[in-house]
C-alpha atoms as a PDB file:
ATOM      1  CA  MET A   1     118.501  76.545  68.266  1.00  0.00           C
ATOM      2  CA  ASN A   2     115.766  74.855  66.765  1.00  0.00           C
ATOM      3  CA  ASN A   3     116.204  71.056  68.071  1.00  0.00           C
ATOM      4  CA  ILE A   4     115.453  71.066  72.208  1.00  0.00           C
ATOM      5  CA  LYS A   5     115.610  67.085  71.852  1.00  0.00           C
ATOM      6  CA  ASN A   6     118.839  66.722  73.651  1.00  0.00           C
ATOM      7  CA  LEU A   7     118.253  69.905  75.493  1.00  0.00           C
ATOM      8  CA  GLN A   8     119.703  69.495  79.558  1.00  0.00           C
ATOM      9  CA  GLY A   9     120.371  72.296  82.585  1.00  0.00           C
ATOM     10  CA  SER A  10     118.622  74.392  83.452  1.00  0.00           C
ATOM     11  CA  ILE A  11     115.424  76.184  81.484  1.00  0.00           C
ATOM     12  CA  VAL A  12     115.201  79.549  83.303  1.00  0.00           C
ATOM     13  CA  ALA A  13     110.577  80.083  83.959  1.00  0.00           C
ATOM     14  CA  ILE A  14     111.603  83.976  82.760  1.00  0.00           C
ATOM     15  CA  VAL A  15     109.401  87.549  84.267  1.00  0.00           C
ATOM     16  CA  THR A  16     108.566  89.825  82.614  1.00  0.00           C
ATOM     17  CA  PRO A  17     109.127  93.355  83.186  1.00  0.00           C
ATOM     18  CA  PHE A  18     106.236  95.765  83.552  1.00  0.00           C
ATOM     19  CA  LEU A  19     106.911  99.660  82.922  1.00  0.00           C
ATOM     20  CA  ASN A  20     105.267 102.164  86.047  1.00  0.00           C
ATOM     21  CA  ASN A  21     102.407 103.009  83.120  1.00  0.00           C
ATOM     22  CA  GLY A  22     102.273  98.464  83.169  1.00  0.00           C
ATOM     23  CA  GLN A  23     103.657  97.973  79.249  1.00  0.00           C
ATOM     24  CA  ILE A  24     105.843  95.862  78.936  1.00  0.00           C
ATOM     25  CA  ASP A  25     109.705  97.197  79.460  1.00  0.00           C
ATOM     26  CA  PHE A  26     110.719  95.298  76.868  1.00  0.00           C
ATOM     27  CA  PRO A  27     114.436  97.052  77.292  1.00  0.00           C
ATOM     28  CA  ALA A  28     115.267  95.683  80.402  1.00  0.00           C
ATOM     29  CA  TYR A  29     113.949  92.323  79.173  1.00  0.00           C
ATOM     30  CA  ALA A  30     116.809  92.689  76.451  1.00  0.00           C
ATOM     31  CA  GLN A  31     119.415  93.040  79.440  1.00  0.00           C
ATOM     32  CA  LEU A  32     117.706  90.664  81.468  1.00  0.00           C
ATOM     33  CA  LEU A  33     117.941  87.907  78.238  1.00  0.00           C
ATOM     34  CA  ASP A  34     121.335  88.612  77.764  1.00  0.00           C
ATOM     35  CA  PHE A  35     122.304  88.126  81.177  1.00  0.00           C
ATOM     36  CA  HIS A  36     120.595  84.445  81.179  1.00  0.00           C
ATOM     37  CA  ILE A  37     122.476  84.189  78.917  1.00  0.00           C
ATOM     38  CA  LYS A  38     126.080  85.176  79.870  1.00  0.00           C
ATOM     39  CA  ASN A  39     125.669  83.119  82.424  1.00  0.00           C
ATOM     40  CA  LYS A  40     124.829  79.654  81.446  1.00  0.00           C
ATOM     41  CA  THR A  41     121.059  79.397  81.565  1.00  0.00           C
ATOM     42  CA  ASP A  42     120.710  76.373  78.327  1.00  0.00           C
ATOM     43  CA  GLY A  43     117.299  77.719  77.548  1.00  0.00           C
ATOM     44  CA  ILE A  44     114.845  80.047  78.143  1.00  0.00           C
ATOM     45  CA  LEU A  45     110.876  79.516  78.855  1.00  0.00           C
ATOM     46  CA  VAL A  46     109.260  82.794  77.721  1.00  0.00           C
ATOM     47  CA  CYS A  47     105.800  82.905  78.662  1.00  0.00           C
ATOM     48  CA  GLY A  48     105.589  80.364  81.476  1.00  0.00           C
ATOM     49  CA  THR A  49     103.883  80.658  84.862  1.00  0.00           C
ATOM     50  CA  THR A  50     106.695  82.903  86.002  1.00  0.00           C
ATOM     51  CA  GLY A  51     106.068  85.467  83.053  1.00  0.00           C
ATOM     52  CA  GLU A  52     102.485  86.390  84.093  1.00  0.00           C
ATOM     53  CA  THR A  53     101.338  84.778  80.995  1.00  0.00           C
ATOM     54  CA  PRO A  54      97.524  85.020  81.947  1.00  0.00           C
ATOM     55  CA  THR A  55      97.473  88.967  81.516  1.00  0.00           C
ATOM     56  CA  LEU A  56      99.146  89.834  78.873  1.00  0.00           C
ATOM     57  CA  GLU A  57      97.064  90.510  75.441  1.00  0.00           C
ATOM     58  CA  ALA A  58      96.953  89.019  72.352  1.00  0.00           C
ATOM     59  CA  ASP A  59      99.174  91.935  71.513  1.00  0.00           C
ATOM     60  CA  GLU A  60     101.988  90.945  73.957  1.00  0.00           C
ATOM     61  CA  TYR A  61     101.972  87.474  73.875  1.00  0.00           C
ATOM     62  CA  GLN A  62     102.964  87.345  69.743  1.00  0.00           C
ATOM     63  CA  LYS A  63     105.405  90.588  70.657  1.00  0.00           C
ATOM     64  CA  ILE A  64     106.783  88.835  73.149  1.00  0.00           C
ATOM     65  CA  ILE A  65     107.765  85.367  72.145  1.00  0.00           C
ATOM     66  CA  LYS A  66     109.411  87.030  68.033  1.00  0.00           C
ATOM     67  CA  PHE A  67     111.053  90.083  70.765  1.00  0.00           C
ATOM     68  CA  THR A  68     112.668  86.680  72.496  1.00  0.00           C
ATOM     69  CA  VAL A  69     113.519  84.797  69.258  1.00  0.00           C
ATOM     70  CA  ASP A  70     114.793  87.451  68.191  1.00  0.00           C
ATOM     71  CA  GLN A  71     117.078  89.280  70.669  1.00  0.00           C
ATOM     72  CA  VAL A  72     118.768  85.130  72.011  1.00  0.00           C
ATOM     73  CA  LYS A  73     119.085  85.298  68.331  1.00  0.00           C
ATOM     74  CA  GLY A  74     119.869  80.874  68.746  1.00  0.00           C
ATOM     75  CA  ARG A  75     121.856  81.439  70.890  1.00  0.00           C
ATOM     76  CA  VAL A  76     120.479  79.317  73.231  1.00  0.00           C
ATOM     77  CA  PRO A  77     116.783  76.943  73.068  1.00  0.00           C
ATOM     78  CA  VAL A  78     113.482  79.737  73.115  1.00  0.00           C
ATOM     79  CA  ILE A  79     110.878  77.634  74.600  1.00  0.00           C
ATOM     80  CA  ALA A  80     107.024  79.182  73.996  1.00  0.00           C
ATOM     81  CA  GLY A  81     104.331  78.489  76.747  1.00  0.00           C
ATOM     82  CA  THR A  82     101.118  78.006  74.533  1.00  0.00           C
ATOM     83  CA  GLY A  83      98.471  75.835  76.664  1.00  0.00           C
ATOM     84  CA  THR A  84      95.272  76.528  77.460  1.00  0.00           C
ATOM     85  CA  ASN A  85      92.507  75.199  78.111  1.00  0.00           C
ATOM     86  CA  SER A  86      90.575  75.022  75.122  1.00  0.00           C
ATOM     87  CA  THR A  87      92.815  72.670  72.523  1.00  0.00           C
ATOM     88  CA  ALA A  88      91.709  74.590  69.788  1.00  0.00           C
ATOM     89  CA  LYS A  89      93.081  77.629  71.225  1.00  0.00           C
ATOM     90  CA  THR A  90      95.855  75.774  72.872  1.00  0.00           C
ATOM     91  CA  ILE A  91      96.819  74.765  68.713  1.00  0.00           C
ATOM     92  CA  ARG A  92      96.552  78.056  67.383  1.00  0.00           C
ATOM     93  CA  ASN A  93      99.343  79.509  70.135  1.00  0.00           C
ATOM     94  CA  SER A  94     100.903  76.596  69.087  1.00  0.00           C
ATOM     95  CA  GLN A  95     101.116  77.328  65.537  1.00  0.00           C
ATOM     96  CA  LEU A  96     102.159  80.986  66.124  1.00  0.00           C
ATOM     97  CA  ALA A  97     104.942  80.398  68.370  1.00  0.00           C
ATOM     98  CA  GLN A  98     106.125  77.784  66.195  1.00  0.00           C
ATOM     99  CA  SER A  99     105.773  80.292  62.771  1.00  0.00           C
ATOM    100  CA  LEU A 100     107.454  83.059  64.785  1.00  0.00           C
ATOM    101  CA  GLY A 101     110.617  80.306  65.136  1.00  0.00           C
ATOM    102  CA  VAL A 102     111.103  78.880  68.680  1.00  0.00           C
ATOM    103  CA  ALA A 103     113.306  75.685  69.099  1.00  0.00           C
ATOM    104  CA  GLY A 104     110.256  74.337  71.411  1.00  0.00           C
ATOM    105  CA  LEU A 105     107.184  74.058  73.161  1.00  0.00           C
ATOM    106  CA  LEU A 106     105.812  73.879  76.706  1.00  0.00           C
ATOM    107  CA  VAL A 107     101.959  72.778  77.086  1.00  0.00           C
ATOM    108  CA  VAL A 108     100.305  72.745  80.666  1.00  0.00           C
ATOM    109  CA  GLY A 109      97.710  70.530  80.900  1.00  0.00           C
ATOM    110  CA  PRO A 110      94.184  72.200  80.570  1.00  0.00           C
ATOM    111  CA  TYR A 111      93.108  74.144  83.582  1.00  0.00           C
ATOM    112  CA  TYR A 112      89.920  73.951  85.705  1.00  0.00           C
ATOM    113  CA  ASN A 113      88.072  71.899  83.133  1.00  0.00           C
ATOM    114  CA  LYS A 114      90.136  68.460  84.361  1.00  0.00           C
ATOM    115  CA  PRO A 115      89.497  65.877  81.852  1.00  0.00           C
ATOM    116  CA  THR A 116      89.262  62.515  82.031  1.00  0.00           C
ATOM    117  CA  PRO A 117      92.750  60.632  81.715  1.00  0.00           C
ATOM    118  CA  GLU A 118      91.024  60.416  78.104  1.00  0.00           C
ATOM    119  CA  GLY A 119      91.116  63.774  77.838  1.00  0.00           C
ATOM    120  CA  PHE A 120      94.659  64.373  79.023  1.00  0.00           C
ATOM    121  CA  TYR A 121      95.575  62.127  75.533  1.00  0.00           C
ATOM    122  CA  GLN A 122      93.570  63.485  73.092  1.00  0.00           C
ATOM    123  CA  HIS A 123      94.259  67.619  74.386  1.00  0.00           C
ATOM    124  CA  TYR A 124      97.820  66.270  73.249  1.00  0.00           C
ATOM    125  CA  ALA A 125      97.841  63.930  70.185  1.00  0.00           C
ATOM    126  CA  ALA A 126      95.667  66.993  69.522  1.00  0.00           C
ATOM    127  CA  LEU A 127      98.552  69.409  69.512  1.00  0.00           C
ATOM    128  CA  ALA A 128     101.033  67.032  67.830  1.00  0.00           C
ATOM    129  CA  LYS A 129      98.947  66.408  64.886  1.00  0.00           C
ATOM    130  CA  SER A 130      99.168  69.760  64.060  1.00  0.00           C
ATOM    131  CA  VAL A 131     102.409  71.618  64.851  1.00  0.00           C
ATOM    132  CA  SER A 132     105.785  69.667  64.207  1.00  0.00           C
ATOM    133  CA  THR A 133     107.546  71.443  66.720  1.00  0.00           C
ATOM    134  CA  SER A 134     108.999  69.964  70.386  1.00  0.00           C
ATOM    135  CA  ILE A 135     106.731  69.713  72.160  1.00  0.00           C
ATOM    136  CA  ILE A 136     106.783  69.564  76.513  1.00  0.00           C
ATOM    137  CA  ILE A 137     103.845  68.323  78.353  1.00  0.00           C
ATOM    138  CA  TYR A 138     103.805  70.799  82.221  1.00  0.00           C
ATOM    139  CA  ASN A 139     102.061  68.419  84.942  1.00  0.00           C
ATOM    140  CA  VAL A 140     101.384  70.810  87.610  1.00  0.00           C
ATOM    141  CA  PRO A 141      97.888  69.637  89.478  1.00  0.00           C
ATOM    142  CA  GLY A 142      98.380  72.664  91.604  1.00  0.00           C
ATOM    143  CA  ARG A 143      97.418  75.422  89.486  1.00  0.00           C
ATOM    144  CA  THR A 144      95.036  72.995  87.335  1.00  0.00           C
ATOM    145  CA  GLY A 145      93.425  71.028  89.543  1.00  0.00           C
ATOM    146  CA  LYS A 146      94.426  67.855  88.216  1.00  0.00           C
ATOM    147  CA  ASN A 147      97.125  65.387  87.239  1.00  0.00           C
ATOM    148  CA  ILE A 148      98.284  63.609  84.371  1.00  0.00           C
ATOM    149  CA  PRO A 149      98.651  60.119  85.008  1.00  0.00           C
ATOM    150  CA  SER A 150     101.777  58.523  84.540  1.00  0.00           C
ATOM    151  CA  ASP A 151     100.549  55.923  82.358  1.00  0.00           C
ATOM    152  CA  VAL A 152      99.239  58.923  79.908  1.00  0.00           C
ATOM    153  CA  ILE A 153     102.323  60.740  79.769  1.00  0.00           C
ATOM    154  CA  LEU A 154     104.422  57.654  78.734  1.00  0.00           C
ATOM    155  CA  ARG A 155     101.618  56.778  75.917  1.00  0.00           C
ATOM    156  CA  LEU A 156     101.806  60.306  74.872  1.00  0.00           C
ATOM    157  CA  ALA A 157     105.880  60.368  74.460  1.00  0.00           C
ATOM    158  CA  ARG A 158     105.883  56.575  72.775  1.00  0.00           C
ATOM    159  CA  GLU A 159     103.269  57.333  70.125  1.00  0.00           C
ATOM    160  CA  PHE A 160     104.444  61.229  69.212  1.00  0.00           C
ATOM    161  CA  LYS A 161     107.496  61.735  67.924  1.00  0.00           C
ATOM    162  CA  ASN A 162     107.395  65.664  68.034  1.00  0.00           C
ATOM    163  CA  ILE A 163     106.294  64.831  72.068  1.00  0.00           C
ATOM    164  CA  VAL A 164     110.103  64.866  73.393  1.00  0.00           C
ATOM    165  CA  GLY A 165     109.962  65.813  77.047  1.00  0.00           C
ATOM    166  CA  VAL A 166     107.778  66.603  80.489  1.00  0.00           C
ATOM    167  CA  LYS A 167     108.078  69.533  83.385  1.00  0.00           C
ATOM    168  CA  GLU A 168     106.582  68.417  86.097  1.00  0.00           C
ATOM    169  CA  ALA A 169     105.573  69.598  89.392  1.00  0.00           C
ATOM    170  CA  SER A 170     103.037  66.973  90.505  1.00  0.00           C
ATOM    171  CA  GLY A 171     105.320  66.951  93.665  1.00  0.00           C
ATOM    172  CA  ASP A 172     104.572  62.795  93.490  1.00  0.00           C
ATOM    173  CA  MET A 173     108.421  61.277  93.527  1.00  0.00           C
ATOM    174  CA  GLY A 174     106.962  57.710  93.185  1.00  0.00           C
ATOM    175  CA  GLN A 175     104.998  59.416  89.871  1.00  0.00           C
ATOM    176  CA  ILE A 176     108.440  60.867  88.481  1.00  0.00           C
ATOM    177  CA  MET A 177     110.386  58.004  88.930  1.00  0.00           C
ATOM    178  CA  GLU A 178     108.047  56.432  87.176  1.00  0.00           C
ATOM    179  CA  ILE A 179     108.190  58.242  84.007  1.00  0.00           C
ATOM    180  CA  ILE A 180     112.138  57.724  84.564  1.00  0.00           C
ATOM    181  CA  HIS A 181     112.147  55.102  84.834  1.00  0.00           C
ATOM    182  CA  ASN A 182     109.915  53.357  81.742  1.00  0.00           C
ATOM    183  CA  ARG A 183     109.859  56.911  79.200  1.00  0.00           C
ATOM    184  CA  PRO A 184     111.134  55.899  75.442  1.00  0.00           C
ATOM    185  CA  ARG A 185     114.982  56.105  74.946  1.00  0.00           C
ATOM    186  CA  GLY A 186     115.300  60.118  74.282  1.00  0.00           C
ATOM    187  CA  PHE A 187     112.823  61.629  76.411  1.00  0.00           C
ATOM    188  CA  LYS A 188     112.887  64.770  79.054  1.00  0.00           C
ATOM    189  CA  VAL A 189     111.697  64.625  82.351  1.00  0.00           C
ATOM    190  CA  TYR A 190     112.319  67.916  83.858  1.00  0.00           C
ATOM    191  CA  SER A 191     111.537  68.901  87.315  1.00  0.00           C
ATOM    192  CA  GLY A 192     108.872  71.818  88.198  1.00  0.00           C
ATOM    193  CA  ASP A 193     109.833  72.610  91.105  1.00  0.00           C
ATOM    194  CA  ASP A 194     113.096  74.141  91.761  1.00  0.00           C
ATOM    195  CA  ALA A 195     113.990  72.034  95.472  1.00  0.00           C
ATOM    196  CA  LEU A 196     113.504  68.558  93.721  1.00  0.00           C
ATOM    197  CA  ALA A 197     115.428  69.084  91.092  1.00  0.00           C
ATOM    198  CA  PHE A 198     118.824  67.645  92.071  1.00  0.00           C
ATOM    199  CA  SER A 199     117.080  64.624  93.388  1.00  0.00           C
ATOM    200  CA  LEU A 200     114.935  63.757  90.131  1.00  0.00           C
ATOM    201  CA  VAL A 201     118.613  64.568  87.778  1.00  0.00           C
ATOM    202  CA  CYS A 202     120.171  62.374  90.070  1.00  0.00           C
ATOM    203  CA  LEU A 203     117.249  59.790  89.431  1.00  0.00           C
ATOM    204  CA  GLY A 204     118.521  59.853  85.676  1.00  0.00           C
ATOM    205  CA  GLY A 205     116.004  63.117  84.880  1.00  0.00           C
ATOM    206  CA  ASP A 206     117.401  66.142  82.675  1.00  0.00           C
ATOM    207  CA  GLY A 207     117.343  69.398  84.369  1.00  0.00           C
ATOM    208  CA  CYS A 208     114.988  71.765  85.378  1.00  0.00           C
ATOM    209  CA  VAL A 209     112.465  74.549  85.073  1.00  0.00           C
ATOM    210  CA  SER A 210     113.094  77.408  87.073  1.00  0.00           C
ATOM    211  CA  VAL A 211     111.899  79.902  88.976  1.00  0.00           C
ATOM    212  CA  VAL A 212     115.079  79.911  90.815  1.00  0.00           C
ATOM    213  CA  ALA A 213     117.463  80.425  88.176  1.00  0.00           C
ATOM    214  CA  ASN A 214     115.666  84.155  87.960  1.00  0.00           C
ATOM    215  CA  GLN A 215     117.929  84.993  90.498  1.00  0.00           C
ATOM    216  CA  ILE A 216     120.760  82.724  89.935  1.00  0.00           C
ATOM    217  CA  PRO A 217     121.623  81.336  87.001  1.00  0.00           C
ATOM    218  CA  ARG A 218     125.547  80.516  86.524  1.00  0.00           C
ATOM    219  CA  GLN A 219     125.290  78.808  90.592  1.00  0.00           C
ATOM    220  CA  PHE A 220     121.370  76.672  89.769  1.00  0.00           C
ATOM    221  CA  SER A 221     122.720  75.950  86.637  1.00  0.00           C
ATOM    222  CA  GLN A 222     126.407  74.617  87.490  1.00  0.00           C
ATOM    223  CA  MET A 223     123.979  72.695  90.193  1.00  0.00           C
ATOM    224  CA  LEU A 224     122.459  70.682  87.384  1.00  0.00           C
ATOM    225  CA  HIS A 225     125.281  69.874  85.825  1.00  0.00           C
ATOM    226  CA  LEU A 226     127.440  68.825  88.418  1.00  0.00           C
ATOM    227  CA  ALA A 227     124.233  66.174  88.944  1.00  0.00           C
ATOM    228  CA  LEU A 228     124.002  65.663  85.652  1.00  0.00           C
ATOM    229  CA  ALA A 229     127.936  64.161  85.969  1.00  0.00           C
ATOM    230  CA  GLY A 230     127.505  62.277  88.476  1.00  0.00           C
ATOM    231  CA  LYS A 231     129.763  64.480  91.091  1.00  0.00           C
ATOM    232  CA  THR A 232     126.527  64.703  93.271  1.00  0.00           C
ATOM    233  CA  ALA A 233     128.782  65.950  96.416  1.00  0.00           C
ATOM    234  CA  LEU A 234     129.951  69.094  95.077  1.00  0.00           C
ATOM    235  CA  ALA A 235     126.083  69.307  93.034  1.00  0.00           C
ATOM    236  CA  ARG A 236     124.460  68.553  96.842  1.00  0.00           C
ATOM    237  CA  LYS A 237     126.234  71.645  98.643  1.00  0.00           C
ATOM    238  CA  LEU A 238     124.936  73.915  96.414  1.00  0.00           C
ATOM    239  CA  HIS A 239     121.122  72.068  95.993  1.00  0.00           C
ATOM    240  CA  PHE A 240     121.302  72.859 100.153  1.00  0.00           C
ATOM    241  CA  LYS A 241     123.078  76.562  99.661  1.00  0.00           C
ATOM    242  CA  TYR A 242     120.363  77.601  97.506  1.00  0.00           C
ATOM    243  CA  LEU A 243     117.250  76.000  98.930  1.00  0.00           C
ATOM    244  CA  LYS A 244     115.909  78.323 101.780  1.00  0.00           C
ATOM    245  CA  LEU A 245     116.088  80.454  98.698  1.00  0.00           C
ATOM    246  CA  MET A 246     113.285  78.635  96.461  1.00  0.00           C
ATOM    247  CA  LYS A 247     111.629  77.818  99.399  1.00  0.00           C
ATOM    248  CA  LEU A 248     111.215  81.521 100.042  1.00  0.00           C
ATOM    249  CA  ASN A 249     110.383  81.700  96.011  1.00  0.00           C
ATOM    250  CA  PHE A 250     107.001  79.877  97.252  1.00  0.00           C
ATOM    251  CA  ILE A 251     106.751  82.520 100.238  1.00  0.00           C
ATOM    252  CA  GLU A 252     103.637  84.282  98.083  1.00  0.00           C
ATOM    253  CA  THR A 253     102.853  83.471  95.257  1.00  0.00           C
ATOM    254  CA  ASN A 254     105.393  82.791  92.175  1.00  0.00           C
ATOM    255  CA  PRO A 255     106.428  85.123  90.018  1.00  0.00           C
ATOM    256  CA  ILE A 256     106.649  87.623  93.386  1.00  0.00           C
ATOM    257  CA  PRO A 257     109.040  86.679  94.961  1.00  0.00           C
ATOM    258  CA  ALA A 258     111.194  86.482  92.379  1.00  0.00           C
ATOM    259  CA  LYS A 259     110.017  88.679  90.749  1.00  0.00           C
ATOM    260  CA  THR A 260     110.742  91.299  93.442  1.00  0.00           C
ATOM    261  CA  SER A 261     114.585  89.783  94.080  1.00  0.00           C
ATOM    262  CA  LEU A 262     115.325  91.117  90.209  1.00  0.00           C
ATOM    263  CA  SER A 263     114.335  94.488  91.896  1.00  0.00           C
ATOM    264  CA  LEU A 264     115.982  94.331  94.630  1.00  0.00           C
ATOM    265  CA  MET A 265     119.115  93.461  92.318  1.00  0.00           C
ATOM    266  CA  LYS A 266     118.298  96.741  90.400  1.00  0.00           C
ATOM    267  CA  LYS A 267     117.209  94.700  86.927  1.00  0.00           C
ATOM    268  CA  VAL A 268     113.361  94.683  86.730  1.00  0.00           C
ATOM    269  CA  LYS A 269     110.862  97.054  88.307  1.00  0.00           C
ATOM    270  CA  GLU A 270     108.749  96.124  91.383  1.00  0.00           C
ATOM    271  CA  ASN A 271     105.494  96.148  88.612  1.00  0.00           C
ATOM    272  CA  PHE A 272     102.846  93.342  88.305  1.00  0.00           C
ATOM    273  CA  ARG A 273      99.697  92.810  86.944  1.00  0.00           C
ATOM    274  CA  LEU A 274      96.455  92.807  88.782  1.00  0.00           C
ATOM    275  CA  PRO A 275      95.887  90.617  89.956  1.00  0.00           C
ATOM    276  CA  MET A 276      99.723  89.444  91.227  1.00  0.00           C
ATOM    277  CA  CYS A 277     100.994  92.032  93.887  1.00  0.00           C
ATOM    278  CA  ARG A 278     104.008  93.549  95.570  1.00  0.00           C
ATOM    279  CA  MET A 279     105.041  91.086  98.196  1.00  0.00           C
ATOM    280  CA  ILE A 280     103.608  92.083 102.113  1.00  0.00           C
ATOM    281  CA  SER A 281     106.625  93.637 104.429  1.00  0.00           C
ATOM    282  CA  GLU A 282     107.817  90.896 106.393  1.00  0.00           C
ATOM    283  CA  ASN A 283     107.622  88.217 103.509  1.00  0.00           C
ATOM    284  CA  LYS A 284     109.962  90.795 101.232  1.00  0.00           C
ATOM    285  CA  SER A 285     111.835  91.031 104.202  1.00  0.00           C
ATOM    286  CA  LYS A 286     112.673  87.956 104.702  1.00  0.00           C
ATOM    287  CA  LEU A 287     113.000  87.298 101.370  1.00  0.00           C
ATOM    288  CA  LYS A 288     115.653  90.539 100.883  1.00  0.00           C
ATOM    289  CA  ALA A 289     117.759  88.729 104.504  1.00  0.00           C
ATOM    290  CA  GLU A 290     118.188  85.368 102.190  1.00  0.00           C
ATOM    291  CA  LEU A 291     119.883  88.051  99.556  1.00  0.00           C
ATOM    292  CA  LYS A 292     121.919  89.696 101.333  1.00  0.00           C
ATOM    293  CA  LYS A 293     123.276  87.149 102.696  1.00  0.00           C
ATOM    294  CA  LEU A 294     123.429  84.688  99.392  1.00  0.00           C
ATOM    295  CA  ASN A 295     125.183  88.365  97.843  1.00  0.00           C
ATOM    296  CA  LEU A 296     123.102  88.155  95.856  1.00  0.00           C
ATOM    297  CA  ILE A 297     121.992  92.230  96.366  1.00  0.00           C
END
């Protein structure tokens, strides 16, 4: 699939499994990809925050994107995280991912630099002119240190046909509603927060780039599609059933709880790359109890 313009539902921000020696565990990763496709995940985001991407070497970054595209074989869209705090490097990453056959690019707002609104605009404008692949803006001020204003997002959406959506993780429902209400036709708005995904879709949004989908791909996709279909009572029931798990995924820094869950579910090894590390025992016990309650382990 080479087009994400109509993509709705659950896009998993997939973890990167590691072997005990620290190398990428490609056999486990292949099984994870097939697990998601079998369980109705609508799209795969590789090299997102949940994938511990800042710790990947340049050759690993290229290998895992190519592996994902080859393993998925067009069954669902593959989106690659390509954003950095350098416009030139972001363009290089994006052109590389485009050459490897991804369907879309998720591009985080430049972090640490704290650009002005015009700086954000020029960053994404330069990127949009450099690639033909569809781009999703990723607004996550909690990690980057600076919010991308809604008027900048809307300006980019109107001016560039290949800027097709935004992953909104500002937590500001006022900003999210403004984007949904004023967006050009076809521009997609995805939640960057699992706990807000139900509300965002009920307001007219299109889905979620999700952490909890790592653990409950079928259930989370079902919730979103019920909400998209207007079956809000059924969707709300699933939302509240899994809300505690969504919150526990952030009891420590993402992706630590999600990856720990997958290790308890016997899908990956409990290995991280520093500065990510294993959960403290108290938090792990809370997570394990909820997974047992939900019959996931």
